C-alpha cells in the first residue's frame, strides 16, 4: 500500500548497514520518487543514479532501475 513509509524504511536500513553499493529495482513509475527520497534521506554522500536496464552498475554507489513488467 502507498504511504506506509517503505521507501524511507529501506533508506534508513541502508544508512545503518552502510553497503558499498546499492541497487534498487522498482516499477518504472517509482524510479524518480526513489531518486528524490534517496537524495533526501541518505546521510552518506552517494552518487544516486537512475539507470535503464542495460547500464552496467558495478561502479555506481546507488543505482535505481526498473524490473520486468
PDB file of N, CA and C in Angstrom:
ATOM      1  N   UNK A   1       0.829  -1.187   0.000  1.00  0.00           N
ATOM      2  CA  UNK A   1       0.000   0.000   0.000  1.00  0.00           C
ATOM      3  C   UNK A   1       0.870   1.245   0.000  1.00  0.00           C
ATOM      4  N   UNK A   2       0.369   2.286  -0.596  1.00  0.00           N
ATOM      5  CA  UNK A   2       1.104   3.548  -0.660  1.00  0.00           C
ATOM      6  C   UNK A   2       1.036   4.284   0.675  1.00  0.00           C
ATOM      7  N   UNK A   3       2.088   5.050   0.953  1.00  0.00           N
ATOM      8  CA  UNK A   3       2.066   5.942   2.102  1.00  0.00           C
ATOM      9  C   UNK A   3       2.436   5.322   3.431  1.00  0.00           C
ATOM     10  N   UNK A   4       3.003   4.119   3.432  1.00  0.00           N
ATOM     11  CA  UNK A   4       3.366   3.472   4.688  1.00  0.00           C
ATOM     12  C   UNK A   4       4.823   3.693   5.081  1.00  0.00           C
ATOM     13  N   UNK A   5       5.581   4.385   4.240  1.00  0.00           N
ATOM     14  CA  UNK A   5       6.967   4.698   4.574  1.00  0.00           C
ATOM     15  C   UNK A   5       7.961   3.601   4.243  1.00  0.00           C
ATOM     16  N   UNK A   6       7.616   2.711   3.310  1.00  0.00           N
ATOM     17  CA  UNK A   6       8.521   1.606   2.968  1.00  0.00           C
ATOM     18  C   UNK A   6       9.835   2.110   2.387  1.00  0.00           C
ATOM     19  N   UNK A   7       9.779   3.108   1.521  1.00  0.00           N
ATOM     20  CA  UNK A   7      10.996   3.649   0.905  1.00  0.00           C
ATOM     21  C   UNK A   7      11.915   4.229   1.969  1.00  0.00           C
ATOM     22  N   UNK A   8      11.374   5.031   2.851  1.00  0.00           N
ATOM     23  CA  UNK A   8      12.177   5.659   3.907  1.00  0.00           C
ATOM     24  C   UNK A   8      12.748   4.602   4.852  1.00  0.00           C
ATOM     25  N   UNK A   9      11.989   3.549   5.138  1.00  0.00           N
ATOM     26  CA  UNK A   9      12.499   2.475   5.988  1.00  0.00           C
ATOM     27  C   UNK A   9      13.703   1.792   5.348  1.00  0.00           C
ATOM     28  N   UNK A  10      13.621   1.522   4.055  1.00  0.00           N
ATOM     29  CA  UNK A  10      14.743   0.882   3.358  1.00  0.00           C
ATOM     30  C   UNK A  10      15.950   1.815   3.340  1.00  0.00           C
ATOM     31  N   UNK A  11      15.723   3.094   3.088  1.00  0.00           N
ATOM     32  CA  UNK A  11      16.832   4.050   3.089  1.00  0.00           C
ATOM     33  C   UNK A  11      17.459   4.153   4.479  1.00  0.00           C
ATOM     34  N   UNK A  12      16.655   4.068   5.522  1.00  0.00           N
ATOM     35  CA  UNK A  12      17.182   4.045   6.884  1.00  0.00           C
ATOM     36  C   UNK A  12      18.050   2.816   7.127  1.00  0.00           C
ATOM     37  N   UNK A  13      17.628   1.678   6.604  1.00  0.00           N
ATOM     38  CA  UNK A  13      18.424   0.460   6.728  1.00  0.00           C
ATOM     39  C   UNK A  13      19.745   0.598   5.974  1.00  0.00           C
ATOM     40  N   UNK A  14      19.705   1.221   4.803  1.00  0.00           N
ATOM     41  CA  UNK A  14      20.939   1.472   4.047  1.00  0.00           C
ATOM     42  C   UNK A  14      21.867   2.373   4.855  1.00  0.00           C
ATOM     43  N   UNK A  15      21.317   3.402   5.498  1.00  0.00           N
ATOM     44  CA  UNK A  15      22.134   4.272   6.358  1.00  0.00           C
ATOM     45  C   UNK A  15      22.778   3.479   7.490  1.00  0.00           C
ATOM     46  N   UNK A  16      22.039   2.544   8.047  1.00  0.00           N
ATOM     47  CA  UNK A  16      22.529   1.744   9.167  1.00  0.00           C
ATOM     48  C   UNK A  16      23.584   0.729   8.730  1.00  0.00           C
ATOM     49  N   UNK A  17      23.322   0.030   7.627  1.00  0.00           N
ATOM     50  CA  UNK A  17      24.205  -1.051   7.164  1.00  0.00           C
ATOM     51  C   UNK A  17      25.424  -0.531   6.398  1.00  0.00           C
ATOM     52  N   UNK A  18      25.296   0.638   5.790  1.00  0.00           N
ATOM     53  CA  UNK A  18      26.376   1.278   5.028  1.00  0.00           C
ATOM     54  C   UNK A  18      27.002   0.368   3.963  1.00  0.00           C
ATOM     55  N   UNK A  19      26.177  -0.204   3.062  1.00  0.00           N
ATOM     56  CA  UNK A  19      26.755  -1.027   1.999  1.00  0.00           C
ATOM     57  C   UNK A  19      27.570  -0.167   1.039  1.00  0.00           C
ATOM     58  N   UNK A  20      28.567  -0.778   0.412  1.00  0.00           N
ATOM     59  CA  UNK A  20      29.398  -0.046  -0.539  1.00  0.00           C
ATOM     60  C   UNK A  20      28.590   0.358  -1.772  1.00  0.00           C
ATOM     61  N   UNK A  21      27.750  -0.550  -2.256  1.00  0.00           N
ATOM     62  CA  UNK A  21      26.918  -0.293  -3.429  1.00  0.00           C
ATOM     63  C   UNK A  21      25.488  -0.703  -3.111  1.00  0.00           C
ATOM     64  N   UNK A  22      24.545  -0.117  -3.821  1.00  0.00           N
ATOM     65  CA  UNK A  22      23.143  -0.451  -3.621  1.00  0.00           C
ATOM     66  C   UNK A  22      22.418  -0.367  -4.958  1.00  0.00           C
ATOM     67  N   UNK A  23      21.588  -1.368  -5.253  1.00  0.00           N
ATOM     68  CA  UNK A  23      20.776  -1.375  -6.464  1.00  0.00           C
ATOM     69  C   UNK A  23      19.321  -1.510  -6.061  1.00  0.00           C
ATOM     70  N   UNK A  24      18.496  -0.559  -6.458  1.00  0.00           N
ATOM     71  CA  UNK A  24      17.063  -0.597  -6.197  1.00  0.00           C
ATOM     72  C   UNK A  24      16.372  -0.988  -7.495  1.00  0.00           C
ATOM     73  N   UNK A  25      15.555  -2.035  -7.446  1.00  0.00           N
ATOM     74  CA  UNK A  25      14.751  -2.445  -8.597  1.00  0.00           C
ATOM     75  C   UNK A  25      13.304  -2.179  -8.222  1.00  0.00           C
ATOM     76  N   UNK A  26      12.647  -1.329  -9.003  1.00  0.00           N
ATOM     77  CA  UNK A  26      11.285  -0.909  -8.684  1.00  0.00           C
ATOM     78  C   UNK A  26      10.514  -0.682  -9.981  1.00  0.00           C
ATOM     79  N   UNK A  27       9.201  -0.497  -9.898  1.00  0.00           N
ATOM     80  CA  UNK A  27       8.443  -0.160 -11.102  1.00  0.00           C
ATOM     81  C   UNK A  27       8.960   1.143 -11.714  1.00  0.00           C
ATOM     82  N   UNK A  28       8.890   1.231 -13.035  1.00  0.00           N
ATOM     83  CA  UNK A  28       9.386   2.417 -13.746  1.00  0.00           C
ATOM     84  C   UNK A  28       8.755   3.697 -13.212  1.00  0.00           C
ATOM     85  N   UNK A  29       7.509   3.632 -12.821  1.00  0.00           N
ATOM     86  CA  UNK A  29       6.805   4.827 -12.345  1.00  0.00           C
ATOM     87  C   UNK A  29       7.338   5.339 -11.009  1.00  0.00           C
ATOM     88  N   UNK A  30       8.127   4.542 -10.303  1.00  0.00           N
ATOM     89  CA  UNK A  30       8.641   4.947  -8.993  1.00  0.00           C
ATOM     90  C   UNK A  30      10.116   5.322  -9.000  1.00  0.00           C
ATOM     91  N   UNK A  31      10.796   5.197 -10.141  1.00  0.00           N
ATOM     92  CA  UNK A  31      12.241   5.462 -10.177  1.00  0.00           C
ATOM     93  C   UNK A  31      12.584   6.877  -9.729  1.00  0.00           C
ATOM     94  N   UNK A  32      11.885   7.877 -10.230  1.00  0.00           N
ATOM     95  CA  UNK A  32      12.203   9.260  -9.852  1.00  0.00           C
ATOM     96  C   UNK A  32      11.859   9.535  -8.391  1.00  0.00           C
ATOM     97  N   UNK A  33      10.810   8.908  -7.883  1.00  0.00           N
ATOM     98  CA  UNK A  33      10.473   9.048  -6.466  1.00  0.00           C
ATOM     99  C   UNK A  33      11.589   8.470  -5.598  1.00  0.00           C
ATOM    100  N   UNK A  34      12.107   7.296  -5.975  1.00  0.00           N
ATOM    101  CA  UNK A  34      13.220   6.703  -5.239  1.00  0.00           C
ATOM    102  C   UNK A  34      14.428   7.628  -5.254  1.00  0.00           C
ATOM    103  N   UNK A  35      14.727   8.203  -6.409  1.00  0.00           N
ATOM    104  CA  UNK A  35      15.883   9.106  -6.515  1.00  0.00           C
ATOM    105  C   UNK A  35      15.712  10.307  -5.594  1.00  0.00           C
ATOM    106  N   UNK A  36      14.522  10.902  -5.620  1.00  0.00           N
ATOM    107  CA  UNK A  36      14.246  12.067  -4.764  1.00  0.00           C
ATOM    108  C   UNK A  36      14.387  11.694  -3.284  1.00  0.00           C
ATOM    109  N   UNK A  37      13.791  10.595  -2.888  1.00  0.00           N
ATOM    110  CA  UNK A  37      13.842  10.183  -1.482  1.00  0.00           C
ATOM    111  C   UNK A  37      15.263   9.792  -1.067  1.00  0.00           C
ATOM    112  N   UNK A  38      16.015   9.155  -1.961  1.00  0.00           N
ATOM    113  CA  UNK A  38      17.402   8.790  -1.639  1.00  0.00           C
ATOM    114  C   UNK A  38      18.241  10.036  -1.404  1.00  0.00           C
ATOM    115  N   UNK A  39      18.085  11.023  -2.264  1.00  0.00           N
ATOM    116  CA  UNK A  39      18.840  12.267  -2.082  1.00  0.00           C
ATOM    117  C   UNK A  39      18.433  12.976  -0.791  1.00  0.00           C
ATOM    118  N   UNK A  40      17.203  12.800  -0.396  1.00  0.00           N
ATOM    119  CA  UNK A  40      16.702  13.450   0.820  1.00  0.00           C
ATOM    120  C   UNK A  40      17.152  12.723   2.095  1.00  0.00           C
ATOM    121  N   UNK A  41      17.129  11.391   2.103  1.00  0.00           N
ATOM    122  CA  UNK A  41      17.290  10.641   3.338  1.00  0.00           C
ATOM    123  C   UNK A  41      18.641   9.970   3.535  1.00  0.00           C
ATOM    124  N   UNK A  42      19.411   9.731   2.485  1.00  0.00           N
ATOM    125  CA  UNK A  42      20.706   9.075   2.689  1.00  0.00           C
ATOM    126  C   UNK A  42      21.680  10.048   3.336  1.00  0.00           C
ATOM    127  N   UNK A  43      22.342   9.607   4.400  1.00  0.00           N
ATOM    128  CA  UNK A  43      23.234  10.507   5.136  1.00  0.00           C
ATOM    129  C   UNK A  43      24.635  10.550   4.533  1.00  0.00           C
ATOM    130  N   UNK A  44      25.073   9.476   3.898  1.00  0.00           N
ATOM    131  CA  UNK A  44      26.389   9.460   3.256  1.00  0.00           C
ATOM    132  C   UNK A  44      26.310  10.177   1.916  1.00  0.00           C
ATOM    133  N   UNK A  45      27.428  10.749   1.512  1.00  0.00           N
ATOM    134  CA  UNK A  45      27.499  11.348   0.180  1.00  0.00           C
ATOM    135  C   UNK A  45      27.550  10.217  -0.838  1.00  0.00           C
ATOM    136  N   UNK A  46      26.464   9.988  -1.510  1.00  0.00           N
ATOM    137  CA  UNK A  46      26.380   8.925  -2.514  1.00  0.00           C
ATOM    138  C   UNK A  46      25.950   9.522  -3.838  1.00  0.00           C
ATOM    139  N   UNK A  47      26.461   8.931  -4.893  1.00  0.00           N
ATOM    140  CA  UNK A  47      26.019   9.304  -6.229  1.00  0.00           C
ATOM    141  C   UNK A  47      24.773   8.476  -6.524  1.00  0.00           C
ATOM    142  N   UNK A  48      23.610   9.118  -6.574  1.00  0.00           N
ATOM    143  CA  UNK A  48      22.350   8.440  -6.865  1.00  0.00           C
ATOM    144  C   UNK A  48      22.090   8.565  -8.359  1.00  0.00           C
ATOM    145  N   UNK A  49      21.907   7.421  -9.033  1.00  0.00           N
ATOM    146  CA  UNK A  49      21.747   7.409 -10.482  1.00  0.00           C
ATOM    147  C   UNK A  49      20.526   6.583 -10.849  1.00  0.00           C
ATOM    148  N   UNK A  50      19.670   7.132 -11.698  1.00  0.00           N
ATOM    149  CA  UNK A  50      18.560   6.382 -12.280  1.00  0.00           C
ATOM    150  C   UNK A  50      19.060   5.842 -13.612  1.00  0.00           C
ATOM    151  N   UNK A  51      18.969   4.526 -13.802  1.00  0.00           N
ATOM    152  CA  UNK A  51      19.541   3.904 -14.989  1.00  0.00           C
ATOM    153  C   UNK A  51      18.486   3.137 -15.778  1.00  0.00           C
ATOM    154  N   UNK A  52      18.832   2.825 -17.035  1.00  0.00           N
ATOM    155  CA  UNK A  52      17.981   1.914 -17.792  1.00  0.00           C
ATOM    156  C   UNK A  52      18.483   0.496 -17.545  1.00  0.00           C
ATOM    157  N   UNK A  53      17.819  -0.479 -18.097  1.00  0.00           N
ATOM    158  CA  UNK A  53      18.129  -1.869 -17.770  1.00  0.00           C
ATOM    159  C   UNK A  53      19.413  -2.373 -18.408  1.00  0.00           C
ATOM    160  N   UNK A  54      20.043  -1.614 -19.294  1.00  0.00           N
ATOM    161  CA  UNK A  54      21.255  -2.084 -19.965  1.00  0.00           C
ATOM    162  C   UNK A  54      22.524  -1.427 -19.433  1.00  0.00           C
ATOM    163  N   UNK A  55      22.408  -0.579 -18.462  1.00  0.00           N
ATOM    164  CA  UNK A  55      23.562   0.117 -17.897  1.00  0.00           C
ATOM    165  C   UNK A  55      24.334  -0.816 -16.967  1.00  0.00           C
ATOM    166  N   UNK A  56      25.656  -0.768 -17.041  1.00  0.00           N
ATOM    167  CA  UNK A  56      26.494  -1.535 -16.102  1.00  0.00           C
ATOM    168  C   UNK A  56      26.501  -0.796 -14.760  1.00  0.00           C
ATOM    169  N   UNK A  57      26.270  -1.515 -13.686  1.00  0.00           N
ATOM    170  CA  UNK A  57      26.091  -0.863 -12.389  1.00  0.00           C
ATOM    171  C   UNK A  57      27.250  -1.077 -11.422  1.00  0.00           C
ATOM    172  N   UNK A  58      28.284  -1.791 -11.814  1.00  0.00           N
ATOM    173  CA  UNK A  58      29.344  -2.146 -10.871  1.00  0.00           C
ATOM    174  C   UNK A  58      29.991  -0.931 -10.210  1.00  0.00           C
ATOM    175  N   UNK A  59      30.162   0.162 -10.932  1.00  0.00           N
ATOM    176  CA  UNK A  59      30.889   1.319 -10.405  1.00  0.00           C
ATOM    177  C   UNK A  59      29.985   2.349  -9.736  1.00  0.00           C
ATOM    178  N   UNK A  60      28.686   2.118  -9.713  1.00  0.00           N
ATOM    179  CA  UNK A  60      27.760   3.102  -9.161  1.00  0.00           C
ATOM    180  C   UNK A  60      27.555   2.868  -7.668  1.00  0.00           C
ATOM    181  N   UNK A  61      27.419   3.963  -6.914  1.00  0.00           N
ATOM    182  CA  UNK A  61      27.156   3.865  -5.475  1.00  0.00           C
ATOM    183  C   UNK A  61      25.720   3.437  -5.196  1.00  0.00           C
ATOM    184  N   UNK A  62      24.771   4.088  -5.851  1.00  0.00           N
ATOM    185  CA  UNK A  62      23.353   3.871  -5.575  1.00  0.00           C
ATOM    186  C   UNK A  62      22.617   3.972  -6.898  1.00  0.00           C
ATOM    187  N   UNK A  63      22.187   2.851  -7.440  1.00  0.00           N
ATOM    188  CA  UNK A  63      21.536   2.821  -8.748  1.00  0.00           C
ATOM    189  C   UNK A  63      20.074   2.425  -8.595  1.00  0.00           C
ATOM    190  N   UNK A  64      19.222   3.012  -9.420  1.00  0.00           N
ATOM    191  CA  UNK A  64      17.788   2.737  -9.396  1.00  0.00           C
ATOM    192  C   UNK A  64      17.378   2.332 -10.798  1.00  0.00           C
ATOM    193  N   UNK A  65      16.736   1.176 -10.929  1.00  0.00           N
ATOM    194  CA  UNK A  65      16.274   0.713 -12.233  1.00  0.00           C
ATOM    195  C   UNK A  65      14.915   0.057 -12.080  1.00  0.00           C
ATOM    196  N   UNK A  66      14.315  -0.259 -13.198  1.00  0.00           N
ATOM    197  CA  UNK A  66      13.000  -0.895 -13.172  1.00  0.00           C
ATOM    198  C   UNK A  66      13.139  -2.388 -13.360  1.00  0.00           C
ATOM    199  N   UNK A  67      12.198  -3.129 -12.819  1.00  0.00           N
ATOM    200  CA  UNK A  67      12.155  -4.568 -13.004  1.00  0.00           C
ATOM    201  C   UNK A  67      11.356  -4.909 -14.244  1.00  0.00           C
ATOM    202  N   UNK A  68      11.253  -6.194 -14.558  1.00  0.00           N
ATOM    203  CA  UNK A  68      10.469  -6.598 -15.726  1.00  0.00           C
ATOM    204  C   UNK A  68       8.997  -6.277 -15.516  1.00  0.00           C
ATOM    205  N   UNK A  69       8.334  -5.968 -16.598  1.00  0.00           N
ATOM    206  CA  UNK A  69       6.902  -5.641 -16.491  1.00  0.00           C
ATOM    207  C   UNK A  69       6.054  -6.768 -16.999  1.00  0.00           C
TER     208      UNK A  69
END
